[in-house]
Amino acid sequence: LHKLRKFVSSGINAEYGGHCHHPKPQGPFTIRAGQSIPVQFKNVFTTPTTFLLSVDNSLFSVKQSELIRAKKTINIMVTYNGSPSGQALPVQTGKLIITNPKSSSGQSIHWVFYLKGVSDKH
Protein backbone atom coordinates (compact mmCIF):
# COMPACT_ATOMS: atom_id res chain seq x y z
CA LEU A 1 0.00 0.00 0.00
CA HIS A 2 1.46 3.30 -1.06
CA LYS A 3 0.22 6.80 -0.35
CA LEU A 4 0.18 9.17 -3.27
CA ARG A 5 0.41 12.93 -2.97
CA LYS A 6 -0.03 15.33 -5.77
CA PHE A 7 0.61 19.04 -5.45
CA VAL A 8 -1.10 21.31 -7.91
CA SER A 9 -0.25 24.95 -8.23
CA SER A 10 -2.29 27.55 -9.96
CA GLY A 11 -4.48 30.17 -8.37
CA ILE A 12 -5.33 27.62 -5.68
CA ASN A 13 -2.93 25.24 -3.97
CA ALA A 14 -4.39 21.86 -3.15
CA GLU A 15 -3.09 18.54 -1.90
CA TYR A 16 -4.64 15.38 -3.21
CA GLY A 17 -4.09 12.08 -1.49
CA GLY A 18 -4.94 8.54 -2.37
CA HIS A 19 -3.90 4.95 -2.06
CA CYS A 20 -2.83 2.44 -4.63
CA HIS A 21 -2.45 -1.27 -4.17
CA HIS A 22 -0.05 -3.72 -5.74
CA PRO A 23 -1.67 -5.93 -8.39
CA LYS A 24 -3.42 -9.03 -7.06
CA PRO A 25 -2.25 -12.43 -8.32
CA GLN A 26 -4.46 -14.00 -11.00
CA GLY A 27 -5.15 -17.54 -12.12
CA PRO A 28 -4.49 -20.40 -12.18
CA PHE A 29 -4.29 -20.61 -15.96
CA THR A 30 -4.41 -24.25 -17.09
CA ILE A 31 -2.14 -25.26 -19.96
CA ARG A 32 -1.95 -28.71 -21.58
CA ALA A 33 1.46 -30.25 -22.27
CA GLY A 34 2.96 -29.00 -25.52
CA GLN A 35 0.47 -26.16 -25.84
CA SER A 36 0.44 -22.41 -25.27
CA ILE A 37 -2.19 -20.06 -23.93
CA PRO A 38 -2.58 -16.28 -24.06
CA VAL A 39 -2.47 -14.36 -20.80
CA GLN A 40 -3.89 -10.86 -21.13
CA PHE A 41 -1.78 -8.05 -19.70
CA LYS A 42 -2.30 -4.29 -19.78
CA ASN A 43 0.36 -1.61 -19.62
CA VAL A 44 -1.22 0.67 -17.01
CA PHE A 45 1.41 3.36 -17.54
CA THR A 46 1.06 6.46 -19.71
CA THR A 47 4.25 5.73 -21.66
CA PRO A 48 5.40 2.74 -23.73
CA THR A 49 7.12 0.39 -21.31
CA THR A 50 9.32 -2.69 -21.66
CA PHE A 51 8.22 -5.34 -19.18
CA LEU A 52 10.41 -8.24 -18.07
CA LEU A 53 8.75 -11.68 -18.23
CA SER A 54 9.81 -14.80 -16.34
CA VAL A 55 8.49 -18.12 -15.08
CA ASP A 56 9.60 -19.89 -11.90
CA ASN A 57 9.25 -23.46 -13.23
CA SER A 58 11.44 -24.51 -16.18
CA LEU A 59 8.63 -26.67 -17.61
CA PHE A 60 6.88 -23.42 -18.61
CA SER A 61 8.32 -20.90 -21.03
CA VAL A 62 7.71 -17.30 -22.04
CA LYS A 63 9.68 -14.67 -23.97
CA GLN A 64 12.03 -12.56 -21.83
CA SER A 65 10.55 -9.12 -22.42
CA GLU A 66 7.79 -7.25 -24.19
CA LEU A 67 7.46 -3.59 -25.19
CA ILE A 68 3.85 -2.53 -24.69
CA ARG A 69 2.37 0.77 -25.83
CA ALA A 70 0.82 3.06 -23.22
CA LYS A 71 -2.54 1.86 -21.84
CA LYS A 72 -2.66 -1.10 -24.29
CA THR A 73 -3.62 -4.69 -23.54
CA ILE A 74 -1.77 -7.56 -25.20
CA ASN A 75 -1.72 -11.35 -25.04
CA ILE A 76 1.46 -12.85 -23.62
CA MET A 77 1.90 -16.42 -24.81
CA VAL A 78 2.90 -18.94 -22.13
CA THR A 79 3.86 -22.51 -23.09
CA TYR A 80 3.77 -25.63 -20.93
CA ASN A 81 6.47 -27.88 -22.33
CA GLY A 82 5.57 -30.93 -20.25
CA SER A 83 7.95 -33.82 -19.75
CA PRO A 84 11.02 -33.85 -22.01
CA SER A 85 10.56 -37.61 -22.37
CA GLY A 86 6.89 -37.28 -23.29
CA GLN A 87 5.75 -39.18 -20.19
CA ALA A 88 2.74 -37.94 -18.27
CA LEU A 89 3.76 -35.85 -15.27
CA PRO A 90 1.76 -35.01 -12.19
CA VAL A 91 0.12 -31.58 -12.37
CA GLN A 92 2.83 -28.92 -12.43
CA THR A 93 2.43 -25.43 -11.01
CA GLY A 94 4.35 -22.25 -11.58
CA LYS A 95 4.12 -18.50 -11.83
CA LEU A 96 4.39 -16.07 -14.69
CA ILE A 97 5.95 -12.94 -13.20
CA ILE A 98 5.79 -9.66 -15.12
CA THR A 99 7.94 -6.82 -13.82
CA ASN A 100 8.24 -3.21 -14.88
CA PRO A 101 11.60 -1.46 -14.81
CA LYS A 102 12.36 0.35 -11.57
CA SER A 103 10.78 3.75 -11.24
CA SER A 104 12.60 6.88 -10.19
CA SER A 105 11.80 5.88 -6.59
CA GLY A 106 13.78 2.67 -7.13
CA GLN A 107 10.74 0.39 -6.83
CA SER A 108 9.31 -1.98 -9.39
CA ILE A 109 5.88 -3.58 -9.61
CA HIS A 110 5.33 -7.32 -10.03
CA TRP A 111 2.26 -8.90 -11.59
CA VAL A 112 1.84 -12.61 -10.78
CA PHE A 113 -0.17 -15.11 -12.81
CA TYR A 114 -0.47 -18.65 -11.43
CA LEU A 115 0.05 -21.44 -13.96
CA LYS A 116 -1.11 -25.07 -13.93
CA GLY A 117 0.45 -27.53 -16.38
CA VAL A 118 -1.41 -30.74 -17.08
CA SER A 119 -0.69 -33.75 -19.28
CA ASP A 120 -3.28 -35.06 -21.75
CA LYS A 121 -4.07 -37.82 -19.26
CA HIS A 122 -5.36 -35.34 -16.62
C-alpha atoms as a PDB file:
ATOM      1  CA  LEU A   1       0.000   0.000   0.000  1.00  0.00           C
ATOM      2  CA  HIS A   2       1.461   3.304  -1.059  1.00  0.00           C
ATOM      3  CA  LYS A   3       0.219   6.798  -0.347  1.00  0.00           C
ATOM      4  CA  LEU A   4       0.175   9.167  -3.271  1.00  0.00           C
ATOM      5  CA  ARG A   5       0.408  12.926  -2.970  1.00  0.00           C
ATOM      6  CA  LYS A   6      -0.026  15.335  -5.774  1.00  0.00           C
ATOM      7  CA  PHE A   7       0.609  19.040  -5.455  1.00  0.00           C
ATOM      8  CA  VAL A   8      -1.102  21.312  -7.908  1.00  0.00           C
ATOM      9  CA  SER A   9      -0.245  24.955  -8.228  1.00  0.00           C
ATOM     10  CA  SER A  10      -2.292  27.546  -9.962  1.00  0.00           C
ATOM     11  CA  GLY A  11      -4.482  30.169  -8.370  1.00  0.00           C
ATOM     12  CA  ILE A  12      -5.327  27.623  -5.682  1.00  0.00           C
ATOM     13  CA  ASN A  13      -2.927  25.241  -3.974  1.00  0.00           C
ATOM     14  CA  ALA A  14      -4.394  21.861  -3.146  1.00  0.00           C
ATOM     15  CA  GLU A  15      -3.088  18.541  -1.902  1.00  0.00           C
ATOM     16  CA  TYR A  16      -4.644  15.383  -3.208  1.00  0.00           C
ATOM     17  CA  GLY A  17      -4.087  12.076  -1.493  1.00  0.00           C
ATOM     18  CA  GLY A  18      -4.944   8.537  -2.369  1.00  0.00           C
ATOM     19  CA  HIS A  19      -3.903   4.947  -2.064  1.00  0.00           C
ATOM     20  CA  CYS A  20      -2.834   2.441  -4.634  1.00  0.00           C
ATOM     21  CA  HIS A  21      -2.446  -1.271  -4.167  1.00  0.00           C
ATOM     22  CA  HIS A  22      -0.053  -3.718  -5.737  1.00  0.00           C
ATOM     23  CA  PRO A  23      -1.669  -5.927  -8.386  1.00  0.00           C
ATOM     24  CA  LYS A  24      -3.422  -9.027  -7.060  1.00  0.00           C
ATOM     25  CA  PRO A  25      -2.250 -12.433  -8.320  1.00  0.00           C
ATOM     26  CA  GLN A  26      -4.458 -14.004 -10.997  1.00  0.00           C
ATOM     27  CA  GLY A  27      -5.154 -17.543 -12.125  1.00  0.00           C
ATOM     28  CA  PRO A  28      -4.493 -20.396 -12.184  1.00  0.00           C
ATOM     29  CA  PHE A  29      -4.294 -20.606 -15.956  1.00  0.00           C
ATOM     30  CA  THR A  30      -4.413 -24.248 -17.086  1.00  0.00           C
ATOM     31  CA  ILE A  31      -2.137 -25.255 -19.961  1.00  0.00           C
ATOM     32  CA  ARG A  32      -1.947 -28.707 -21.578  1.00  0.00           C
ATOM     33  CA  ALA A  33       1.462 -30.253 -22.272  1.00  0.00           C
ATOM     34  CA  GLY A  34       2.958 -29.004 -25.519  1.00  0.00           C
ATOM     35  CA  GLN A  35       0.471 -26.157 -25.839  1.00  0.00           C
ATOM     36  CA  SER A  36       0.443 -22.406 -25.271  1.00  0.00           C
ATOM     37  CA  ILE A  37      -2.194 -20.061 -23.932  1.00  0.00           C
ATOM     38  CA  PRO A  38      -2.576 -16.282 -24.063  1.00  0.00           C
ATOM     39  CA  VAL A  39      -2.473 -14.358 -20.796  1.00  0.00           C
ATOM     40  CA  GLN A  40      -3.891 -10.857 -21.131  1.00  0.00           C
ATOM     41  CA  PHE A  41      -1.781  -8.054 -19.696  1.00  0.00           C
ATOM     42  CA  LYS A  42      -2.301  -4.286 -19.778  1.00  0.00           C
ATOM     43  CA  ASN A  43       0.356  -1.606 -19.622  1.00  0.00           C
ATOM     44  CA  VAL A  44      -1.216   0.665 -17.009  1.00  0.00           C
ATOM     45  CA  PHE A  45       1.405   3.358 -17.542  1.00  0.00           C
ATOM     46  CA  THR A  46       1.064   6.464 -19.713  1.00  0.00           C
ATOM     47  CA  THR A  47       4.254   5.726 -21.657  1.00  0.00           C
ATOM     48  CA  PRO A  48       5.402   2.744 -23.731  1.00  0.00           C
ATOM     49  CA  THR A  49       7.119   0.386 -21.314  1.00  0.00           C
ATOM     50  CA  THR A  50       9.317  -2.686 -21.661  1.00  0.00           C
ATOM     51  CA  PHE A  51       8.225  -5.341 -19.178  1.00  0.00           C
ATOM     52  CA  LEU A  52      10.411  -8.245 -18.065  1.00  0.00           C
ATOM     53  CA  LEU A  53       8.746 -11.682 -18.230  1.00  0.00           C
ATOM     54  CA  SER A  54       9.807 -14.798 -16.339  1.00  0.00           C
ATOM     55  CA  VAL A  55       8.494 -18.123 -15.075  1.00  0.00           C
ATOM     56  CA  ASP A  56       9.600 -19.886 -11.902  1.00  0.00           C
ATOM     57  CA  ASN A  57       9.253 -23.461 -13.229  1.00  0.00           C
ATOM     58  CA  SER A  58      11.439 -24.507 -16.179  1.00  0.00           C
ATOM     59  CA  LEU A  59       8.628 -26.667 -17.606  1.00  0.00           C
ATOM     60  CA  PHE A  60       6.877 -23.423 -18.606  1.00  0.00           C
ATOM     61  CA  SER A  61       8.319 -20.898 -21.030  1.00  0.00           C
ATOM     62  CA  VAL A  62       7.709 -17.303 -22.038  1.00  0.00           C
ATOM     63  CA  LYS A  63       9.685 -14.672 -23.970  1.00  0.00           C
ATOM     64  CA  GLN A  64      12.035 -12.563 -21.835  1.00  0.00           C
ATOM     65  CA  SER A  65      10.547  -9.122 -22.423  1.00  0.00           C
ATOM     66  CA  GLU A  66       7.787  -7.246 -24.189  1.00  0.00           C
ATOM     67  CA  LEU A  67       7.464  -3.593 -25.191  1.00  0.00           C
ATOM     68  CA  ILE A  68       3.851  -2.530 -24.693  1.00  0.00           C
ATOM     69  CA  ARG A  69       2.371   0.771 -25.826  1.00  0.00           C
ATOM     70  CA  ALA A  70       0.819   3.061 -23.221  1.00  0.00           C
ATOM     71  CA  LYS A  71      -2.536   1.861 -21.842  1.00  0.00           C
ATOM     72  CA  LYS A  72      -2.657  -1.098 -24.285  1.00  0.00           C
ATOM     73  CA  THR A  73      -3.617  -4.692 -23.539  1.00  0.00           C
ATOM     74  CA  ILE A  74      -1.766  -7.564 -25.204  1.00  0.00           C
ATOM     75  CA  ASN A  75      -1.720 -11.348 -25.041  1.00  0.00           C
ATOM     76  CA  ILE A  76       1.459 -12.849 -23.618  1.00  0.00           C
ATOM     77  CA  MET A  77       1.896 -16.425 -24.810  1.00  0.00           C
ATOM     78  CA  VAL A  78       2.903 -18.939 -22.133  1.00  0.00           C
ATOM     79  CA  THR A  79       3.864 -22.505 -23.085  1.00  0.00           C
ATOM     80  CA  TYR A  80       3.768 -25.626 -20.926  1.00  0.00           C
ATOM     81  CA  ASN A  81       6.475 -27.884 -22.329  1.00  0.00           C
ATOM     82  CA  GLY A  82       5.566 -30.927 -20.251  1.00  0.00           C
ATOM     83  CA  SER A  83       7.945 -33.822 -19.751  1.00  0.00           C
ATOM     84  CA  PRO A  84      11.021 -33.849 -22.013  1.00  0.00           C
ATOM     85  CA  SER A  85      10.564 -37.614 -22.374  1.00  0.00           C
ATOM     86  CA  GLY A  86       6.890 -37.279 -23.291  1.00  0.00           C
ATOM     87  CA  GLN A  87       5.752 -39.176 -20.188  1.00  0.00           C
ATOM     88  CA  ALA A  88       2.739 -37.937 -18.265  1.00  0.00           C
ATOM     89  CA  LEU A  89       3.755 -35.853 -15.272  1.00  0.00           C
ATOM     90  CA  PRO A  90       1.758 -35.007 -12.187  1.00  0.00           C
ATOM     91  CA  VAL A  91       0.122 -31.583 -12.374  1.00  0.00           C
ATOM     92  CA  GLN A  92       2.831 -28.917 -12.427  1.00  0.00           C
ATOM     93  CA  THR A  93       2.430 -25.429 -11.013  1.00  0.00           C
ATOM     94  CA  GLY A  94       4.348 -22.250 -11.580  1.00  0.00           C
ATOM     95  CA  LYS A  95       4.118 -18.502 -11.827  1.00  0.00           C
ATOM     96  CA  LEU A  96       4.393 -16.068 -14.688  1.00  0.00           C
ATOM     97  CA  ILE A  97       5.953 -12.938 -13.205  1.00  0.00           C
ATOM     98  CA  ILE A  98       5.788  -9.662 -15.118  1.00  0.00           C
ATOM     99  CA  THR A  99       7.943  -6.817 -13.817  1.00  0.00           C
ATOM    100  CA  ASN A 100       8.241  -3.210 -14.879  1.00  0.00           C
ATOM    101  CA  PRO A 101      11.595  -1.459 -14.806  1.00  0.00           C
ATOM    102  CA  LYS A 102      12.364   0.350 -11.572  1.00  0.00           C
ATOM    103  CA  SER A 103      10.777   3.748 -11.244  1.00  0.00           C
ATOM    104  CA  SER A 104      12.601   6.876 -10.193  1.00  0.00           C
ATOM    105  CA  SER A 105      11.799   5.883  -6.595  1.00  0.00           C
ATOM    106  CA  GLY A 106      13.780   2.668  -7.128  1.00  0.00           C
ATOM    107  CA  GLN A 107      10.744   0.390  -6.832  1.00  0.00           C
ATOM    108  CA  SER A 108       9.307  -1.980  -9.393  1.00  0.00           C
ATOM    109  CA  ILE A 109       5.879  -3.582  -9.614  1.00  0.00           C
ATOM    110  CA  HIS A 110       5.334  -7.323 -10.031  1.00  0.00           C
ATOM    111  CA  TRP A 111       2.265  -8.902 -11.589  1.00  0.00           C
ATOM    112  CA  VAL A 112       1.843 -12.613 -10.776  1.00  0.00           C
ATOM    113  CA  PHE A 113      -0.175 -15.109 -12.811  1.00  0.00           C
ATOM    114  CA  TYR A 114      -0.467 -18.653 -11.425  1.00  0.00           C
ATOM    115  CA  LEU A 115       0.050 -21.439 -13.964  1.00  0.00           C
ATOM    116  CA  LYS A 116      -1.107 -25.067 -13.928  1.00  0.00           C
ATOM    117  CA  GLY A 117       0.445 -27.525 -16.381  1.00  0.00           C
ATOM    118  CA  VAL A 118      -1.415 -30.739 -17.081  1.00  0.00           C
ATOM    119  CA  SER A 119      -0.692 -33.749 -19.278  1.00  0.00           C
ATOM    120  CA  ASP A 120      -3.279 -35.065 -21.745  1.00  0.00           C
ATOM    121  CA  LYS A 121      -4.068 -37.825 -19.255  1.00  0.00           C
ATOM    122  CA  HIS A 122      -5.363 -35.341 -16.622  1.00  0.00           C
END
